[in-house]
Structures are given as C-alpha cells and as structure tokens.
C-alpha cells in the first residue's frame, strides 16, 4: 500500500511542478507549486521516501517538460529538500525552511556552472527560487497539518472522537 502512495505522490509532485508554471523573465525558468508536494510528502512519509518523491517527481517534470539539462540538478536539490524536511521537519517546522533553503542554494550553484546560465542568470533567478521555496514550505506544511487533522487516528482514535 505504501508503494502506491509513493507512486501517487511522485505523480502529484510532477503534476504540481508542470501544471502551474509562471515564467521567470529573462532566464527561461519558471515558478511552480511542486515544492508544496515535496514538503507535504516528506512530512507525511519521512525523509527517505520524501527524498524519493521530491527528487524523482520533480526530475520527472523536468524530463517531460523539456528541462532535461536541469533533471540531474533537480533530482539532487529536491531529493535533499525532501530528505531534510522529512527527517527534521517533524521535530521542529523551522527545519522545513532549512530544507527549502538548501534547495535554493543547490539551484543557485548549479546555475552558475550550467551551459547558457552563469552568474547573471543565477542571480536573477535567486529571488524567484526563494519565493517558490517559501510558498512551497508554507503550503506543504499547511496541507500536511490539514491532512493530519483529517485522519481519524491523528484526532485520537479511529471512531473520529477526540480523546
């Protein structure tokens, strides 16, 4: 059953990355809501499976969406984001901000060296990546909290009555 959930969340992550695309002027990149899915999946499944969902789901979106050059970077950046959020995020939600910050830094460093990018492109995408990260962290945590409240066992029992 968990394998199906992981596959579904990989698809949700790819879908949320691809469906809502807001172009970033001048670089060819885009803002998306995929980080919400990465953060949610990581908090819900834990670090190991959050890394798989984040890395594979987001890299799949790059491959399908024509950003093949970014797929390996995305696999690492979103995988590490998922691992950190899922491993440390339940202990204290401030760690989720570290997770998305690490993702932003990885993209920045990669863009410095990727063909056709360089310092100007990396700097121009930095504020957009930061905005995407913060929105993803807030949205992912909110969805996670909502799902946990909706699940019967998180309210105190399978009968739906709080204990």
N, C-alpha and C. Protein backbone atom coordinates (compact mmCIF):
# COMPACT_ATOMS: atom_id res chain seq x y z
N UNK A 1 0.82 -1.19 0.00
CA UNK A 1 0.00 0.00 0.00
C UNK A 1 0.87 1.26 0.00
N UNK A 2 1.96 1.24 0.77
CA UNK A 2 2.83 2.41 0.84
C UNK A 2 3.47 2.69 -0.52
N UNK A 3 3.79 1.63 -1.28
CA UNK A 3 4.38 1.82 -2.60
C UNK A 3 3.43 2.59 -3.52
N UNK A 4 2.14 2.29 -3.44
CA UNK A 4 1.16 3.01 -4.25
C UNK A 4 1.09 4.47 -3.84
N UNK A 5 1.13 4.73 -2.56
CA UNK A 5 1.10 6.11 -2.07
C UNK A 5 2.33 6.87 -2.57
N UNK A 6 3.48 6.24 -2.52
CA UNK A 6 4.71 6.87 -3.00
C UNK A 6 4.60 7.18 -4.49
N UNK A 7 4.11 6.24 -5.28
CA UNK A 7 3.94 6.48 -6.71
C UNK A 7 2.94 7.59 -6.99
N UNK A 8 1.86 7.61 -6.25
CA UNK A 8 0.86 8.67 -6.42
C UNK A 8 1.48 10.02 -6.08
N UNK A 9 2.23 10.11 -5.00
CA UNK A 9 2.83 11.38 -4.60
C UNK A 9 3.94 11.81 -5.57
N UNK A 10 4.63 10.86 -6.20
CA UNK A 10 5.58 11.21 -7.25
C UNK A 10 4.82 11.87 -8.40
N UNK A 11 3.68 11.29 -8.77
CA UNK A 11 2.86 11.88 -9.83
C UNK A 11 2.29 13.23 -9.46
N UNK A 12 1.85 13.37 -8.22
CA UNK A 12 1.32 14.66 -7.75
C UNK A 12 2.43 15.72 -7.80
N UNK A 13 3.62 15.34 -7.37
CA UNK A 13 4.75 16.28 -7.39
C UNK A 13 5.07 16.71 -8.82
N UNK A 14 5.14 15.75 -9.72
CA UNK A 14 5.40 16.08 -11.13
C UNK A 14 4.29 16.97 -11.68
N UNK A 15 3.06 16.62 -11.37
CA UNK A 15 1.93 17.40 -11.86
C UNK A 15 1.92 18.82 -11.33
N UNK A 16 2.14 18.98 -10.03
CA UNK A 16 2.14 20.33 -9.45
C UNK A 16 3.32 21.16 -9.96
N UNK A 17 4.38 20.48 -10.36
CA UNK A 17 5.52 21.19 -10.94
C UNK A 17 5.22 21.65 -12.35
N UNK A 18 4.47 20.85 -13.09
CA UNK A 18 4.24 21.14 -14.51
C UNK A 18 2.98 21.96 -14.79
N UNK A 19 1.94 21.77 -14.02
CA UNK A 19 0.65 22.37 -14.36
C UNK A 19 0.64 23.87 -14.13
N UNK A 20 1.14 24.31 -13.01
CA UNK A 20 1.17 25.75 -12.72
C UNK A 20 2.59 26.24 -12.95
N UNK A 21 2.82 26.81 -14.12
CA UNK A 21 4.14 27.34 -14.47
C UNK A 21 4.04 28.84 -14.67
N UNK A 22 4.79 29.57 -13.88
CA UNK A 22 4.86 31.02 -14.03
C UNK A 22 6.26 31.36 -14.52
N UNK A 23 6.39 31.79 -15.79
CA UNK A 23 7.72 32.05 -16.36
C UNK A 23 8.50 33.12 -15.59
N UNK A 24 9.79 32.92 -15.51
CA UNK A 24 10.69 33.90 -14.91
C UNK A 24 11.27 34.70 -16.07
N UNK A 25 11.06 36.00 -16.07
CA UNK A 25 11.53 36.84 -17.19
C UNK A 25 13.04 36.75 -17.39
N UNK A 26 13.43 36.55 -18.63
CA UNK A 26 14.84 36.63 -18.99
C UNK A 26 15.66 35.38 -18.84
N UNK A 27 15.16 34.33 -18.18
CA UNK A 27 16.01 33.15 -17.96
C UNK A 27 15.45 31.88 -18.59
N UNK A 28 14.17 31.85 -18.89
CA UNK A 28 13.56 30.62 -19.40
C UNK A 28 13.10 29.67 -18.31
N UNK A 29 13.39 30.00 -17.06
CA UNK A 29 12.94 29.18 -15.95
C UNK A 29 11.50 29.49 -15.61
N UNK A 30 11.00 28.85 -14.57
CA UNK A 30 9.61 29.08 -14.18
C UNK A 30 9.40 28.78 -12.71
N UNK A 31 8.45 29.48 -12.12
CA UNK A 31 7.99 29.20 -10.77
C UNK A 31 6.93 28.12 -10.84
N UNK A 32 6.84 27.30 -9.79
CA UNK A 32 5.83 26.24 -9.77
C UNK A 32 5.45 25.94 -8.33
N UNK A 33 4.46 25.09 -8.18
CA UNK A 33 3.97 24.72 -6.84
C UNK A 33 4.45 23.34 -6.40
N UNK A 34 5.40 22.78 -7.10
CA UNK A 34 5.89 21.44 -6.78
C UNK A 34 6.47 21.30 -5.39
N UNK A 35 7.06 22.38 -4.86
CA UNK A 35 7.65 22.28 -3.52
C UNK A 35 6.60 22.03 -2.44
N UNK A 36 5.38 22.46 -2.69
CA UNK A 36 4.30 22.14 -1.73
C UNK A 36 4.15 20.62 -1.61
N UNK A 37 4.17 19.94 -2.75
CA UNK A 37 4.04 18.48 -2.75
C UNK A 37 5.26 17.82 -2.12
N UNK A 38 6.44 18.36 -2.40
CA UNK A 38 7.67 17.79 -1.83
C UNK A 38 7.63 17.90 -0.30
N UNK A 39 7.30 19.07 0.20
CA UNK A 39 7.26 19.27 1.66
C UNK A 39 6.18 18.40 2.29
N UNK A 40 4.99 18.40 1.70
CA UNK A 40 3.92 17.56 2.26
C UNK A 40 4.35 16.10 2.29
N UNK A 41 4.80 15.57 1.16
CA UNK A 41 5.17 14.15 1.08
C UNK A 41 6.28 13.81 2.07
N UNK A 42 7.21 14.72 2.25
CA UNK A 42 8.33 14.47 3.16
C UNK A 42 7.88 14.42 4.61
N UNK A 43 7.01 15.35 4.99
CA UNK A 43 6.50 15.33 6.35
C UNK A 43 5.62 14.11 6.58
N UNK A 44 4.86 13.72 5.58
CA UNK A 44 3.93 12.61 5.72
C UNK A 44 4.63 11.26 5.70
N UNK A 45 5.64 11.11 4.83
CA UNK A 45 6.30 9.82 4.65
C UNK A 45 7.63 9.69 5.37
N UNK A 46 8.24 10.80 5.77
CA UNK A 46 9.56 10.76 6.36
C UNK A 46 10.64 11.07 5.34
N UNK A 47 11.87 11.21 5.82
CA UNK A 47 12.97 11.67 4.99
C UNK A 47 13.34 10.79 3.82
N UNK A 48 13.43 9.50 4.05
CA UNK A 48 13.86 8.61 2.96
C UNK A 48 12.89 8.65 1.80
N UNK A 49 11.61 8.47 2.08
CA UNK A 49 10.62 8.46 1.00
C UNK A 49 10.30 9.86 0.51
N UNK A 50 10.45 10.85 1.37
CA UNK A 50 10.31 12.24 0.93
C UNK A 50 11.38 12.60 -0.09
N UNK A 51 12.59 12.08 0.11
CA UNK A 51 13.67 12.31 -0.84
C UNK A 51 13.35 11.67 -2.19
N UNK A 52 12.80 10.47 -2.15
CA UNK A 52 12.44 9.78 -3.40
C UNK A 52 11.33 10.54 -4.12
N UNK A 53 10.27 10.88 -3.40
CA UNK A 53 9.15 11.60 -4.01
C UNK A 53 9.63 12.94 -4.56
N UNK A 54 10.36 13.70 -3.75
CA UNK A 54 10.82 15.02 -4.19
C UNK A 54 11.75 14.96 -5.38
N UNK A 55 12.75 14.11 -5.29
CA UNK A 55 13.73 14.01 -6.37
C UNK A 55 13.17 13.44 -7.64
N UNK A 56 12.51 12.29 -7.54
CA UNK A 56 12.00 11.61 -8.75
C UNK A 56 10.83 12.38 -9.35
N UNK A 57 9.89 12.83 -8.52
CA UNK A 57 8.74 13.56 -9.04
C UNK A 57 9.13 14.83 -9.75
N UNK A 58 10.01 15.61 -9.14
CA UNK A 58 10.43 16.88 -9.72
C UNK A 58 11.32 16.68 -10.94
N UNK A 59 12.23 15.72 -10.90
CA UNK A 59 13.09 15.45 -12.06
C UNK A 59 12.27 14.91 -13.23
N UNK A 60 11.24 14.15 -12.94
CA UNK A 60 10.35 13.66 -13.99
C UNK A 60 9.67 14.83 -14.69
N UNK A 61 9.25 15.82 -13.92
CA UNK A 61 8.64 17.02 -14.51
C UNK A 61 9.63 17.73 -15.43
N UNK A 62 10.90 17.80 -15.02
CA UNK A 62 11.92 18.41 -15.88
C UNK A 62 12.08 17.63 -17.19
N UNK A 63 12.12 16.31 -17.08
CA UNK A 63 12.29 15.48 -18.28
C UNK A 63 11.11 15.61 -19.24
N UNK A 64 9.91 15.54 -18.69
CA UNK A 64 8.71 15.64 -19.52
C UNK A 64 8.53 17.05 -20.06
N UNK A 65 8.86 18.04 -19.24
CA UNK A 65 8.60 19.44 -19.59
C UNK A 65 9.67 20.11 -20.43
N UNK A 66 10.71 19.37 -20.83
CA UNK A 66 11.71 19.94 -21.71
C UNK A 66 12.89 20.61 -21.02
N UNK A 67 13.06 20.37 -19.73
CA UNK A 67 14.18 20.95 -18.99
C UNK A 67 15.18 19.85 -18.62
N UNK A 68 15.56 19.07 -19.61
CA UNK A 68 16.39 17.88 -19.42
C UNK A 68 17.71 18.23 -18.74
N UNK A 69 18.29 19.37 -19.09
CA UNK A 69 19.57 19.78 -18.51
C UNK A 69 19.48 19.93 -16.99
N UNK A 70 18.29 20.31 -16.51
CA UNK A 70 18.11 20.52 -15.08
C UNK A 70 17.73 19.25 -14.32
N UNK A 71 17.35 18.19 -15.00
CA UNK A 71 16.86 16.99 -14.32
C UNK A 71 17.83 16.44 -13.27
N UNK A 72 19.13 16.31 -13.57
CA UNK A 72 20.04 15.80 -12.52
C UNK A 72 20.16 16.74 -11.33
N UNK A 73 20.18 18.05 -11.60
CA UNK A 73 20.25 19.03 -10.52
C UNK A 73 18.98 18.94 -9.68
N UNK A 74 17.85 18.84 -10.35
CA UNK A 74 16.57 18.75 -9.66
C UNK A 74 16.49 17.50 -8.81
N UNK A 75 16.96 16.38 -9.33
CA UNK A 75 16.96 15.12 -8.58
C UNK A 75 17.69 15.31 -7.25
N UNK A 76 18.83 15.98 -7.29
CA UNK A 76 19.62 16.20 -6.08
C UNK A 76 18.97 17.27 -5.19
N UNK A 77 18.61 18.41 -5.78
CA UNK A 77 18.09 19.53 -4.99
C UNK A 77 16.78 19.17 -4.30
N UNK A 78 15.85 18.61 -5.04
CA UNK A 78 14.53 18.29 -4.47
C UNK A 78 14.61 17.04 -3.60
N UNK A 79 15.51 16.12 -3.96
CA UNK A 79 15.70 14.95 -3.11
C UNK A 79 16.26 15.32 -1.75
N UNK A 80 17.24 16.20 -1.74
CA UNK A 80 17.81 16.65 -0.47
C UNK A 80 16.80 17.49 0.31
N UNK A 81 16.03 18.32 -0.40
CA UNK A 81 14.96 19.08 0.25
C UNK A 81 13.99 18.13 0.95
N UNK A 82 13.58 17.09 0.25
CA UNK A 82 12.66 16.11 0.83
C UNK A 82 13.27 15.37 2.01
N UNK A 83 14.54 15.01 1.88
CA UNK A 83 15.19 14.29 2.97
C UNK A 83 15.27 15.14 4.23
N UNK A 84 15.70 16.38 4.09
CA UNK A 84 15.83 17.26 5.26
C UNK A 84 14.46 17.55 5.87
N UNK A 85 13.49 17.90 5.03
CA UNK A 85 12.15 18.22 5.55
C UNK A 85 11.54 17.01 6.26
N UNK A 86 11.69 15.84 5.68
CA UNK A 86 11.09 14.65 6.26
C UNK A 86 11.82 14.11 7.47
N UNK A 87 13.12 14.33 7.54
CA UNK A 87 13.91 13.84 8.66
C UNK A 87 13.83 14.78 9.86
N UNK A 88 13.92 16.07 9.60
CA UNK A 88 13.98 17.04 10.70
C UNK A 88 12.71 17.85 10.88
N UNK A 89 11.88 17.92 9.85
CA UNK A 89 10.72 18.81 9.87
C UNK A 89 9.69 18.49 10.94
N UNK A 90 9.51 17.23 11.28
CA UNK A 90 8.54 16.87 12.31
C UNK A 90 9.03 17.25 13.70
N UNK A 91 10.35 17.34 13.86
CA UNK A 91 10.90 17.73 15.16
C UNK A 91 10.62 19.20 15.43
N UNK A 92 10.82 20.00 14.41
CA UNK A 92 10.51 21.43 14.51
C UNK A 92 10.36 21.94 13.08
N UNK A 93 9.27 22.60 12.83
CA UNK A 93 8.96 23.00 11.46
C UNK A 93 9.93 24.02 10.88
N UNK A 94 10.75 24.65 11.70
CA UNK A 94 11.75 25.58 11.17
C UNK A 94 12.74 24.84 10.27
N UNK A 95 12.90 23.54 10.50
CA UNK A 95 13.80 22.73 9.66
C UNK A 95 13.29 22.63 8.24
N UNK A 96 11.99 22.78 8.04
CA UNK A 96 11.44 22.80 6.68
C UNK A 96 12.00 23.99 5.91
N UNK A 97 12.17 25.12 6.61
CA UNK A 97 12.77 26.29 5.95
C UNK A 97 14.22 26.01 5.56
N UNK A 98 14.94 25.27 6.40
CA UNK A 98 16.30 24.88 6.03
C UNK A 98 16.27 24.01 4.78
N UNK A 99 15.32 23.10 4.72
CA UNK A 99 15.21 22.19 3.57
C UNK A 99 15.02 22.96 2.27
N UNK A 100 14.10 23.92 2.27
CA UNK A 100 13.86 24.68 1.03
C UNK A 100 15.01 25.64 0.74
N UNK A 101 15.68 26.13 1.78
CA UNK A 101 16.85 26.98 1.59
C UNK A 101 17.97 26.20 0.91
N UNK A 102 18.19 24.97 1.34
CA UNK A 102 19.22 24.11 0.72
C UNK A 102 18.90 23.90 -0.75
N UNK A 103 17.62 23.68 -1.07
CA UNK A 103 17.21 23.53 -2.47
C UNK A 103 17.57 24.77 -3.28
N UNK A 104 17.28 25.95 -2.75
CA UNK A 104 17.58 27.20 -3.45
C UNK A 104 19.08 27.34 -3.68
N UNK A 105 19.87 27.02 -2.69
CA UNK A 105 21.33 27.13 -2.80
C UNK A 105 21.86 26.17 -3.87
N UNK A 106 21.34 24.95 -3.91
CA UNK A 106 21.80 23.98 -4.91
C UNK A 106 21.49 24.48 -6.31
N UNK A 107 20.28 24.99 -6.53
CA UNK A 107 19.95 25.54 -7.84
C UNK A 107 20.85 26.73 -8.19
N UNK A 108 21.09 27.60 -7.24
CA UNK A 108 21.95 28.76 -7.49
C UNK A 108 23.34 28.31 -7.92
N UNK A 109 23.92 27.38 -7.18
CA UNK A 109 25.27 26.91 -7.51
C UNK A 109 25.30 26.20 -8.86
N UNK A 110 24.28 25.41 -9.13
CA UNK A 110 24.23 24.71 -10.42
C UNK A 110 24.10 25.70 -11.57
N UNK A 111 23.27 26.72 -11.41
CA UNK A 111 23.06 27.70 -12.47
C UNK A 111 24.32 28.50 -12.76
N UNK A 112 25.21 28.63 -11.78
CA UNK A 112 26.47 29.31 -12.01
C UNK A 112 27.30 28.59 -13.08
N UNK A 113 27.16 27.25 -13.12
CA UNK A 113 28.04 26.45 -13.97
C UNK A 113 27.36 25.77 -15.15
N UNK A 114 26.04 25.76 -15.19
CA UNK A 114 25.35 25.11 -16.30
C UNK A 114 25.55 25.90 -17.60
N UNK A 115 25.67 25.19 -18.72
CA UNK A 115 25.82 25.88 -20.00
C UNK A 115 24.65 26.83 -20.27
N UNK A 116 24.98 28.03 -20.72
CA UNK A 116 23.95 29.01 -21.04
C UNK A 116 23.39 29.75 -19.84
N UNK A 117 23.91 29.51 -18.66
CA UNK A 117 23.41 30.18 -17.46
C UNK A 117 24.45 31.19 -16.99
N UNK A 118 25.17 30.90 -15.95
CA UNK A 118 26.19 31.81 -15.44
C UNK A 118 25.69 32.67 -14.30
N UNK A 119 26.55 33.57 -13.86
CA UNK A 119 26.28 34.37 -12.67
C UNK A 119 25.05 35.26 -12.82
N UNK A 120 24.90 35.92 -13.95
CA UNK A 120 23.76 36.83 -14.13
C UNK A 120 22.43 36.08 -14.05
N UNK A 121 22.35 34.94 -14.71
CA UNK A 121 21.11 34.14 -14.68
C UNK A 121 20.86 33.59 -13.27
N UNK A 122 21.91 33.09 -12.64
CA UNK A 122 21.76 32.53 -11.29
C UNK A 122 21.27 33.60 -10.32
N UNK A 123 21.82 34.79 -10.40
CA UNK A 123 21.39 35.88 -9.53
C UNK A 123 19.97 36.34 -9.83
N UNK A 124 19.62 36.36 -11.11
CA UNK A 124 18.27 36.83 -11.46
C UNK A 124 17.19 35.83 -11.06
N UNK A 125 17.53 34.55 -11.00
CA UNK A 125 16.55 33.53 -10.58
C UNK A 125 16.47 33.37 -9.07
N UNK A 126 17.47 33.84 -8.36
CA UNK A 126 17.54 33.64 -6.92
C UNK A 126 16.30 34.14 -6.17
N UNK A 127 15.83 35.36 -6.38
CA UNK A 127 14.64 35.78 -5.63
C UNK A 127 13.39 34.98 -5.99
N UNK A 128 13.26 34.57 -7.24
CA UNK A 128 12.11 33.76 -7.64
C UNK A 128 12.16 32.38 -7.00
N UNK A 129 13.36 31.79 -6.96
CA UNK A 129 13.50 30.48 -6.31
C UNK A 129 13.22 30.59 -4.82
N UNK A 130 13.62 31.71 -4.20
CA UNK A 130 13.35 31.90 -2.78
C UNK A 130 11.84 32.03 -2.52
N UNK A 131 11.16 32.78 -3.37
CA UNK A 131 9.71 32.92 -3.24
C UNK A 131 9.03 31.56 -3.39
N UNK A 132 9.43 30.81 -4.40
CA UNK A 132 8.87 29.47 -4.62
C UNK A 132 9.11 28.59 -3.41
N UNK A 133 10.30 28.68 -2.81
CA UNK A 133 10.65 27.85 -1.66
C UNK A 133 9.77 28.19 -0.45
N UNK A 134 9.60 29.47 -0.18
CA UNK A 134 8.80 29.87 0.99
C UNK A 134 7.33 29.49 0.79
N UNK A 135 6.80 29.76 -0.40
CA UNK A 135 5.41 29.37 -0.69
C UNK A 135 5.25 27.86 -0.57
N UNK A 136 6.22 27.11 -1.09
CA UNK A 136 6.18 25.66 -1.01
C UNK A 136 6.23 25.16 0.42
N UNK A 137 7.08 25.78 1.24
CA UNK A 137 7.19 25.38 2.65
C UNK A 137 5.89 25.66 3.39
N UNK A 138 5.37 26.87 3.25
CA UNK A 138 4.13 27.23 3.94
C UNK A 138 2.97 26.36 3.47
N UNK A 139 2.84 26.22 2.15
CA UNK A 139 1.75 25.42 1.60
C UNK A 139 1.86 23.95 1.96
N UNK A 140 3.06 23.40 1.88
CA UNK A 140 3.26 21.99 2.20
C UNK A 140 2.98 21.68 3.66
N UNK A 141 3.42 22.57 4.55
CA UNK A 141 3.15 22.39 5.98
C UNK A 141 1.65 22.50 6.25
N UNK A 142 1.00 23.47 5.61
CA UNK A 142 -0.45 23.65 5.81
C UNK A 142 -1.22 22.43 5.34
N UNK A 143 -0.87 21.89 4.19
CA UNK A 143 -1.56 20.68 3.69
C UNK A 143 -1.30 19.51 4.63
N UNK A 144 -0.06 19.37 5.07
CA UNK A 144 0.28 18.28 6.00
C UNK A 144 -0.55 18.38 7.28
N UNK A 145 -0.61 19.57 7.86
CA UNK A 145 -1.38 19.75 9.10
C UNK A 145 -2.86 19.47 8.86
N UNK A 146 -3.37 19.91 7.73
CA UNK A 146 -4.77 19.64 7.41
C UNK A 146 -5.07 18.17 7.25
N UNK A 147 -4.18 17.47 6.57
CA UNK A 147 -4.36 16.02 6.38
C UNK A 147 -4.26 15.30 7.71
N UNK A 148 -3.32 15.70 8.54
CA UNK A 148 -3.17 15.03 9.84
C UNK A 148 -4.39 15.26 10.73
N UNK A 149 -4.98 16.44 10.66
CA UNK A 149 -6.20 16.70 11.42
C UNK A 149 -7.38 15.89 10.88
N UNK A 150 -7.38 15.65 9.59
CA UNK A 150 -8.49 14.92 8.96
C UNK A 150 -8.42 13.42 9.17
N UNK A 151 -7.23 12.90 9.41
CA UNK A 151 -7.08 11.46 9.62
C UNK A 151 -7.62 11.09 10.99
N UNK A 152 -8.45 10.06 11.08
CA UNK A 152 -9.05 9.69 12.37
C UNK A 152 -8.03 9.42 13.47
N UNK A 153 -6.96 8.70 13.18
CA UNK A 153 -6.02 8.37 14.24
C UNK A 153 -5.28 9.60 14.75
N UNK A 154 -5.15 10.64 13.95
CA UNK A 154 -4.46 11.83 14.42
C UNK A 154 -5.33 12.65 15.36
N UNK A 155 -6.65 12.38 15.37
CA UNK A 155 -7.56 13.08 16.28
C UNK A 155 -7.81 12.28 17.54
N UNK A 156 -7.21 11.14 17.65
CA UNK A 156 -7.33 10.41 18.89
C UNK A 156 -7.96 9.04 18.79
N UNK A 157 -8.44 8.63 17.64
CA UNK A 157 -8.99 7.29 17.53
C UNK A 157 -9.68 7.10 16.19
N UNK A 158 -9.89 5.86 15.83
CA UNK A 158 -10.48 5.56 14.53
C UNK A 158 -11.97 5.87 14.46
N UNK A 159 -12.58 6.13 15.62
CA UNK A 159 -14.01 6.45 15.61
C UNK A 159 -14.26 7.94 15.36
N UNK A 160 -13.18 8.71 15.22
CA UNK A 160 -13.30 10.14 14.93
C UNK A 160 -13.51 11.00 16.16
N UNK A 161 -13.61 10.38 17.34
CA UNK A 161 -13.80 11.16 18.57
C UNK A 161 -12.46 11.49 19.18
N UNK A 162 -12.27 12.73 19.52
CA UNK A 162 -11.02 13.14 20.15
C UNK A 162 -10.94 12.54 21.54
N UNK A 163 -9.74 12.16 21.94
CA UNK A 163 -9.55 11.59 23.28
C UNK A 163 -8.87 12.61 24.16
